[in-house]
Each structure stands twice: as C-alpha cells, then as structure tokens.
Amino acid sequence: MKKLADNVYQHVMDLCKQGDKQVAEGQFEEAKDLYLDALLLLPSNHQEWEAATWIYVAVGDAHLHLNNNEKAFKAFYNALQCPNGLGNPYIHFRLGQYYFEQENWEKAQDEFVRAYMGGGIDIFMEDDPKYLEFLEQMVDI
C-alpha cells in the first residue's frame, strides 16, 4: 500500500485531529471543512490512499450531524471506493441507513447485510433500533 510523505501525513493528521475536536464541541460545519482541507492534501489520485477512506467517513459523519443526508451519502459512497472501504461494516451501515430512509429496501438490505457480516450485531446497537428490526425482518440472523 502506498505511503504518504511524512510531512503530508502529519499535516493530514493534524487537520483531522482538529476536526475531531470540533466534532466533540458540536461544531460540525467547522469539522467538515477541516476534514475537506485534509482531503485536499492527498495526491490527486486521492482515492488510492487509505487516508482518503477515513477522511471521507469523517466528512460523511459531519454531514449526518448537519442533516445533509445527500452529501453524507456521497461521502460514504466515496469512502467505499477507497482502500479498505469495501467491506468496512461502518461504511456499509451508513449506506444502509441512507437507502432505508429513501425507502430503497433492496439496497438497504444489501448494505445492512454487509454491515452485519463484517461487524455483527454490535454495529446496529448504537443507532435507531428500526435498522436492526428491518434487517431481522428481511433475513434470518
């Protein structure tokens, strides 16, 4: 796997830590901007870098807190295209939520099954129980 130059990696980490601090303080717009700044530091083929995966997840989470569901979906979908994105239970769970809320039951089921296969029932326990109830109705778990 490719490795970022140390100075770029450190700058990316610093921006993401600042973003995380903003999230802890409930400043989601500011956090999102910091994460996007970190993303811009990656080489132009940013989706080939593992850092892009977790930065996109952080951007998606910030958008969720801001009720920007379409933008959150795009960020999680982008994370899926990055290294270790496909098969990441958290990313699949968030995509499943989006599809569920859009009443796209087939895609919601597919993403929730992927989340369950990778993360077990725990991935569902910190969110609205309706998602687990939906999965239990659709498949035998």
Protein backbone atom coordinates (compact mmCIF):
# COMPACT_ATOMS: atom_id res chain seq x y z
CA MET A 1 0.00 0.00 0.00
CA LYS A 2 1.19 3.49 -0.79
CA LYS A 3 2.56 5.63 1.99
CA LEU A 4 2.19 9.40 2.23
CA ALA A 5 5.26 11.54 2.73
CA ASP A 6 5.80 12.07 6.45
CA ASN A 7 5.17 15.82 6.33
CA VAL A 8 1.93 15.37 4.34
CA TYR A 9 0.77 12.59 6.65
CA GLN A 10 1.45 14.74 9.72
CA HIS A 11 -0.44 17.71 8.27
CA VAL A 12 -3.38 15.46 7.36
CA MET A 13 -3.39 14.01 10.88
CA ASP A 14 -3.23 17.46 12.47
CA LEU A 15 -6.20 18.70 10.44
CA CYS A 16 -8.21 15.56 11.24
CA LYS A 17 -7.43 15.86 14.95
CA GLN A 18 -8.62 19.47 14.82
CA GLY A 19 -11.74 18.25 13.02
CA ASP A 20 -12.32 15.62 15.69
CA LYS A 21 -12.02 18.31 18.37
CA GLN A 22 -14.63 20.40 16.54
CA VAL A 23 -16.95 17.38 16.39
CA ALA A 24 -16.55 16.89 20.16
CA GLU A 25 -17.58 20.53 20.61
CA GLY A 26 -20.57 20.15 18.29
CA GLN A 27 -19.03 22.36 15.60
CA PHE A 28 -19.82 20.07 12.66
CA GLU A 29 -19.53 22.62 9.85
CA GLU A 30 -16.06 23.60 11.02
CA ALA A 31 -15.11 19.94 11.40
CA LYS A 32 -16.28 19.14 7.89
CA ASP A 33 -14.19 21.99 6.48
CA LEU A 34 -11.08 20.75 8.31
CA TYR A 35 -11.61 17.22 7.00
CA LEU A 36 -12.05 18.53 3.47
CA ASP A 37 -8.83 20.53 3.85
CA ALA A 38 -7.08 17.31 4.86
CA LEU A 39 -8.50 15.53 1.82
CA LEU A 40 -7.09 18.25 -0.43
CA LEU A 41 -3.59 17.50 0.88
CA LEU A 42 -3.68 13.99 -0.58
CA PRO A 43 -2.23 13.42 -4.05
CA SER A 44 -4.59 13.96 -6.99
CA ASN A 45 -5.39 10.25 -7.12
CA HIS A 46 -6.64 10.56 -3.54
CA GLN A 47 -8.96 7.56 -3.74
CA GLU A 48 -5.91 5.33 -3.93
CA TRP A 49 -4.78 6.38 -0.45
CA GLU A 50 -6.05 4.75 2.72
CA ALA A 51 -6.25 8.13 4.45
CA ALA A 52 -9.00 9.10 1.99
CA THR A 53 -11.16 6.29 3.36
CA TRP A 54 -11.30 7.58 6.90
CA ILE A 55 -11.38 11.22 5.85
CA TYR A 56 -14.45 10.56 3.69
CA VAL A 57 -16.06 8.73 6.63
CA ALA A 58 -15.39 11.73 8.87
CA VAL A 59 -16.87 14.07 6.24
CA GLY A 60 -19.91 11.80 5.97
CA ASP A 61 -20.43 11.79 9.72
CA ALA A 62 -20.18 15.59 9.85
CA HIS A 63 -22.79 15.86 7.10
CA LEU A 64 -25.07 13.48 9.02
CA HIS A 65 -24.88 15.73 12.06
CA LEU A 66 -25.75 18.67 9.81
CA ASN A 67 -28.70 16.74 8.30
CA ASN A 68 -27.09 16.92 4.86
CA ASN A 69 -28.09 13.37 4.01
CA GLU A 70 -27.34 13.54 0.28
CA LYS A 71 -23.84 14.88 0.93
CA ALA A 72 -23.31 12.30 3.67
CA PHE A 73 -24.29 9.56 1.24
CA LYS A 74 -21.82 10.85 -1.35
CA ALA A 75 -19.02 10.94 1.22
CA PHE A 76 -19.72 7.37 2.41
CA TYR A 77 -20.03 6.18 -1.18
CA ASN A 78 -16.66 7.78 -1.95
CA ALA A 79 -15.17 6.08 1.12
CA LEU A 80 -16.38 2.76 -0.28
CA GLN A 81 -14.22 3.36 -3.39
CA CYS A 82 -11.05 3.89 -1.34
CA PRO A 83 -8.66 1.29 0.10
CA ASN A 84 -10.36 -0.91 2.71
CA GLY A 85 -13.68 0.83 2.09
CA LEU A 86 -15.45 -2.11 0.53
CA GLY A 87 -16.30 -4.48 3.34
CA ASN A 88 -15.98 -1.84 6.06
CA PRO A 89 -19.02 -2.51 8.26
CA TYR A 90 -19.40 1.10 9.37
CA ILE A 91 -19.48 2.42 5.81
CA HIS A 92 -21.97 -0.26 4.75
CA PHE A 93 -24.14 0.53 7.78
CA ARG A 94 -24.25 4.23 6.92
CA LEU A 95 -25.10 3.47 3.30
CA GLY A 96 -27.82 1.10 4.50
CA GLN A 97 -29.29 3.87 6.65
CA TYR A 98 -29.40 6.20 3.69
CA TYR A 99 -31.12 3.66 1.46
CA PHE A 100 -33.53 2.76 4.27
CA GLU A 101 -34.55 6.39 4.71
CA GLN A 102 -35.01 6.64 0.93
CA GLU A 103 -37.24 3.54 1.11
CA ASN A 104 -34.92 1.71 -1.24
CA TRP A 105 -35.45 -1.55 0.63
CA GLU A 106 -33.39 -3.81 -1.63
CA LYS A 107 -30.25 -1.67 -1.40
CA ALA A 108 -30.83 -1.06 2.31
CA GLN A 109 -31.00 -4.79 2.91
CA ASP A 110 -27.84 -5.40 0.87
CA GLU A 111 -25.85 -2.77 2.77
CA PHE A 112 -27.17 -3.83 6.17
CA VAL A 113 -26.29 -7.47 5.44
CA ARG A 114 -22.76 -6.37 4.50
CA ALA A 115 -22.54 -4.36 7.72
CA TYR A 116 -23.80 -7.31 9.76
CA MET A 117 -21.43 -9.76 8.08
CA GLY A 118 -18.45 -7.53 8.83
CA GLY A 119 -19.39 -6.07 12.20
CA GLY A 120 -22.01 -8.35 13.70
CA ILE A 121 -24.96 -7.10 15.68
CA ASP A 122 -22.83 -4.54 17.55
CA ILE A 123 -22.75 -2.25 14.51
CA PHE A 124 -26.51 -1.80 14.90
CA MET A 125 -26.61 -1.33 18.67
CA GLU A 126 -25.60 2.34 18.83
CA ASP A 127 -28.26 3.58 16.45
CA ASP A 128 -32.01 3.57 15.97
CA PRO A 129 -33.36 0.02 16.54
CA LYS A 130 -35.50 0.30 13.40
CA TYR A 131 -32.49 -0.63 11.27
CA LEU A 132 -31.87 -3.88 13.11
CA GLU A 133 -35.60 -4.63 13.15
CA PHE A 134 -35.68 -4.16 9.38
CA LEU A 135 -32.73 -6.49 8.89
CA GLU A 136 -34.29 -9.12 11.17
CA GLN A 137 -37.50 -8.98 9.12
CA MET A 138 -35.62 -9.37 5.85
CA VAL A 139 -33.08 -12.08 6.68
CA ASP A 140 -32.61 -14.78 9.26
CA ILE A 141 -29.89 -13.55 11.63
